[in-house]
Amino acid sequence: MKKLIFGLAITVFVTNSFSQQNNKKRNFICFTPTTANTINGLAIGLWNRPATQSQQNFNGINLEILGCGWVTPFLGLDDAGYITQTKHNINGLSVGLTLLNGKVNGFAISLTINTTFYFNGVKIGLINVDLHSVNGIEVGLVNANDHHKGLGFGFYNQANKTHGIQIGIINKTNALQGLQIGLINSNDSRTLPLINWSSKRK
């Protein structure tokens, strides 16, 4: 009898542990925020903010009805502990009224503020903010980056470092390796109208 009870206890423990592991992955449709570690398919919710300190990977489509990008003006260039930079990864498409995502590989489209820490791909928003780096194409009224590699197209483009091309009315960067095309173009070498450039290795 004792062996039977012990065997049942072990079975329940193993089954429960296996179930908890399965609960860390969501397939097809997941509502956010979520404590799941991996989401494959469609993640949908009012916003997508990590609900756990562990790694979260979203593979597919991330749809945020409101999003958390609206807090960006209050946080400035510091996440203030609000979102973990490298533990919130989206591979695919992220869409929302506002966005505040950790790392995005693919597409990010927002009607207003589009904020990421690391971005690789194509980014579209009224205001695009990148707190660490962006590799690819940005299209918006305002593009503000720490380190931009690729093409920035907007009314106002600003970056700490730029490796690539800025196209806009006003283009500004502290370190340029590439080309600026616009009404006012400013970099660490000079300020010129219409076109500016620098081939210095940064």
Protein backbone atom coordinates (compact mmCIF):
# COMPACT_ATOMS: atom_id res chain seq x y z
CA MET A 1 0.00 0.00 0.00
CA LYS A 2 2.81 2.37 0.91
CA LYS A 3 4.54 1.63 -2.40
CA LEU A 4 1.30 2.40 -4.26
CA ILE A 5 0.83 5.71 -2.44
CA PHE A 6 4.48 6.60 -3.02
CA GLY A 7 4.16 5.73 -6.70
CA LEU A 8 1.02 7.85 -7.06
CA ALA A 9 2.73 10.77 -5.31
CA ILE A 10 5.70 10.57 -7.68
CA THR A 11 3.35 10.40 -10.67
CA VAL A 12 1.41 13.48 -9.51
CA PHE A 13 4.66 15.37 -8.88
CA VAL A 14 6.12 14.54 -12.29
CA THR A 15 2.83 15.29 -14.08
CA ASN A 16 2.49 18.60 -12.27
CA SER A 17 6.09 19.57 -13.08
CA PHE A 18 5.59 18.66 -16.74
CA SER A 19 2.38 20.68 -16.83
CA GLN A 20 4.11 23.72 -15.33
CA GLN A 21 6.80 23.48 -17.98
CA ASN A 22 4.14 23.32 -20.69
CA ASN A 23 2.44 26.38 -19.22
CA LYS A 24 5.55 28.39 -20.07
CA LYS A 25 4.81 28.04 -23.79
CA ARG A 26 1.78 29.30 -25.67
CA ASN A 27 0.95 28.39 -29.26
CA PHE A 28 -1.50 29.90 -31.74
CA ILE A 29 -3.13 32.63 -29.58
CA CYS A 30 -1.93 34.22 -26.35
CA PHE A 31 -3.40 37.13 -24.41
CA THR A 32 -0.90 39.63 -22.99
CA PRO A 33 0.57 40.48 -20.54
CA THR A 34 1.52 36.86 -19.91
CA THR A 35 3.91 34.88 -17.73
CA ALA A 36 4.68 32.47 -20.58
CA ASN A 37 8.29 32.34 -21.72
CA THR A 38 7.64 31.48 -25.38
CA ILE A 39 4.70 32.52 -27.50
CA ASN A 40 4.34 31.16 -31.03
CA GLY A 41 1.60 32.66 -33.17
CA LEU A 42 -0.56 35.64 -32.22
CA ALA A 43 -0.03 37.64 -29.02
CA ILE A 44 -2.86 40.10 -28.45
CA GLY A 45 -3.76 42.42 -25.60
CA LEU A 46 -4.15 45.97 -24.38
CA TRP A 47 -0.37 46.08 -24.05
CA ASN A 48 2.56 43.69 -24.05
CA ARG A 49 4.71 44.17 -20.98
CA PRO A 50 6.80 41.36 -19.49
CA ALA A 51 4.93 39.90 -16.54
CA THR A 52 7.97 37.92 -15.43
CA GLN A 53 11.67 38.55 -14.91
CA SER A 54 12.61 35.56 -17.05
CA GLN A 55 13.22 35.58 -20.81
CA GLN A 56 10.18 36.09 -23.03
CA ASN A 57 10.21 35.35 -26.76
CA PHE A 58 7.31 36.23 -29.03
CA ASN A 59 7.47 34.54 -32.43
CA GLY A 60 4.84 35.70 -34.89
CA ILE A 61 2.50 38.68 -34.53
CA ASN A 62 2.36 40.96 -31.51
CA LEU A 63 -0.80 43.10 -31.49
CA GLU A 64 -1.12 45.81 -28.83
CA ILE A 65 -4.37 47.74 -28.79
CA LEU A 66 -2.95 50.55 -26.62
CA GLY A 67 0.65 49.59 -25.91
CA CYS A 68 3.10 51.13 -23.45
CA GLY A 69 4.89 53.49 -25.83
CA TRP A 70 2.99 56.42 -24.38
CA VAL A 71 5.22 56.28 -21.27
CA THR A 72 8.34 57.02 -23.35
CA PRO A 73 8.15 60.84 -22.89
CA PHE A 74 8.08 60.29 -19.13
CA LEU A 75 10.98 57.82 -19.12
CA GLY A 76 13.25 59.69 -21.53
CA LEU A 77 16.25 57.60 -22.51
CA ASP A 78 16.06 55.49 -19.36
CA ASP A 79 13.74 52.52 -19.02
CA ALA A 80 13.53 53.22 -15.24
CA GLY A 81 13.17 49.49 -14.66
CA TYR A 82 9.85 49.51 -16.50
CA ILE A 83 10.83 46.98 -19.13
CA THR A 84 13.77 44.59 -19.30
CA GLN A 85 15.91 45.49 -22.28
CA THR A 86 17.06 42.13 -23.55
CA LYS A 87 14.46 39.80 -22.02
CA HIS A 88 11.50 40.88 -24.15
CA ASN A 89 12.14 39.68 -27.69
CA ILE A 90 9.76 39.85 -30.64
CA ASN A 91 10.58 37.99 -33.84
CA GLY A 92 8.13 38.91 -36.56
CA LEU A 93 5.59 41.75 -36.61
CA SER A 94 4.75 44.13 -33.77
CA VAL A 95 1.77 46.47 -34.24
CA GLY A 96 0.11 48.88 -31.84
CA LEU A 97 -1.23 52.34 -31.17
CA THR A 98 1.96 52.85 -29.16
CA LEU A 99 4.86 50.42 -28.68
CA LEU A 100 7.54 49.88 -26.04
CA ASN A 101 9.35 46.65 -26.92
CA GLY A 102 12.70 45.26 -25.80
CA LYS A 103 14.26 43.71 -28.92
CA VAL A 104 12.45 43.40 -32.24
CA ASN A 105 13.63 41.45 -35.27
CA GLY A 106 11.32 42.13 -38.20
CA PHE A 107 8.71 44.87 -38.45
CA ALA A 108 7.39 47.36 -35.90
CA ILE A 109 4.47 49.60 -36.86
CA SER A 110 2.88 52.20 -34.59
CA LEU A 111 0.42 55.03 -35.23
CA THR A 112 2.15 57.23 -32.64
CA ILE A 113 5.22 56.43 -30.48
CA ASN A 114 7.34 53.42 -31.46
CA THR A 115 10.05 52.66 -28.89
CA THR A 116 12.57 49.80 -28.84
CA PHE A 117 15.87 49.06 -27.16
CA TYR A 118 17.30 46.95 -29.98
CA PHE A 119 15.79 46.82 -33.45
CA ASN A 120 16.61 44.96 -36.66
CA GLY A 121 14.38 45.42 -39.69
CA VAL A 122 11.81 48.01 -40.79
CA LYS A 123 10.28 50.43 -38.31
CA ILE A 124 7.38 52.81 -39.00
CA GLY A 125 5.85 55.30 -36.58
CA LEU A 126 4.97 58.92 -36.04
CA ILE A 127 7.82 59.11 -33.50
CA ASN A 128 10.49 56.39 -33.54
CA VAL A 129 12.72 56.09 -30.49
CA ASP A 130 15.59 53.62 -30.14
CA LEU A 131 17.26 53.50 -26.75
CA HIS A 132 20.26 51.42 -27.80
CA SER A 133 20.59 50.54 -31.47
CA VAL A 134 18.69 50.11 -34.71
CA ASN A 135 19.82 48.24 -37.80
CA GLY A 136 17.66 48.78 -40.86
CA ILE A 137 15.10 51.32 -42.07
CA GLU A 138 13.16 53.84 -40.01
CA VAL A 139 10.31 55.93 -41.39
CA GLY A 140 8.63 58.58 -39.25
CA LEU A 141 8.03 62.23 -38.56
CA VAL A 142 10.74 62.08 -35.88
CA ASN A 143 13.49 59.45 -35.60
CA ALA A 144 15.59 59.60 -32.42
CA ASN A 145 18.32 56.98 -32.01
CA ASP A 146 21.36 56.21 -29.95
CA HIS A 147 23.14 54.23 -32.69
CA HIS A 148 21.59 53.89 -36.14
CA LYS A 149 22.92 51.67 -38.91
CA GLY A 150 20.94 51.94 -42.13
CA LEU A 151 18.44 54.48 -43.47
CA GLY A 152 16.52 57.07 -41.48
CA PHE A 153 13.73 58.87 -43.34
CA GLY A 154 11.73 61.61 -41.59
CA PHE A 155 11.14 65.28 -40.99
CA TYR A 156 13.67 65.30 -38.11
CA ASN A 157 16.40 62.67 -37.72
CA GLN A 158 18.66 62.67 -34.69
CA ALA A 159 21.21 60.09 -33.57
CA ASN A 160 24.22 59.88 -31.32
CA LYS A 161 25.99 57.75 -33.95
CA THR A 162 24.97 57.19 -37.56
CA HIS A 163 26.36 54.60 -39.96
CA GLY A 164 24.35 55.05 -43.13
CA ILE A 165 21.99 57.68 -44.52
CA GLN A 166 19.75 60.30 -42.97
CA ILE A 167 17.09 61.86 -45.21
CA GLY A 168 14.87 64.62 -43.84
CA ILE A 169 14.34 68.33 -43.37
CA ILE A 170 16.66 68.43 -40.36
CA ASN A 171 19.35 65.79 -39.87
CA LYS A 172 21.59 65.77 -36.82
CA THR A 173 24.15 63.30 -35.49
CA ASN A 174 27.15 63.50 -33.19
CA ALA A 175 29.17 60.97 -35.19
CA LEU A 176 28.55 60.27 -38.87
CA GLN A 177 29.93 57.67 -41.21
CA GLY A 178 27.75 58.09 -44.25
CA LEU A 179 25.48 60.68 -45.85
CA GLN A 180 22.93 63.30 -44.82
CA ILE A 181 20.39 64.77 -47.26
CA GLY A 182 18.10 67.59 -46.13
CA LEU A 183 17.59 71.29 -45.56
CA ILE A 184 19.91 71.34 -42.52
CA ASN A 185 22.54 68.64 -42.02
CA SER A 186 24.71 68.66 -38.93
CA ASN A 187 27.40 66.22 -37.78
CA ASP A 188 30.68 66.18 -35.90
CA SER A 189 32.58 67.49 -38.94
CA ARG A 190 30.38 70.33 -40.19
CA THR A 191 26.90 71.75 -40.76
CA LEU A 192 25.76 72.13 -44.36
CA PRO A 193 22.52 72.63 -46.30
CA LEU A 194 21.20 70.11 -48.80
CA ILE A 195 23.91 67.45 -48.43
CA ASN A 196 26.58 66.50 -45.91
CA TRP A 197 28.86 63.53 -45.54
CA SER A 198 31.68 61.92 -43.59
CA SER A 199 33.77 58.89 -44.36
CA LYS A 200 35.58 58.79 -41.05
CA ARG A 201 35.45 55.48 -39.24
CA LYS A 202 33.45 55.97 -36.04
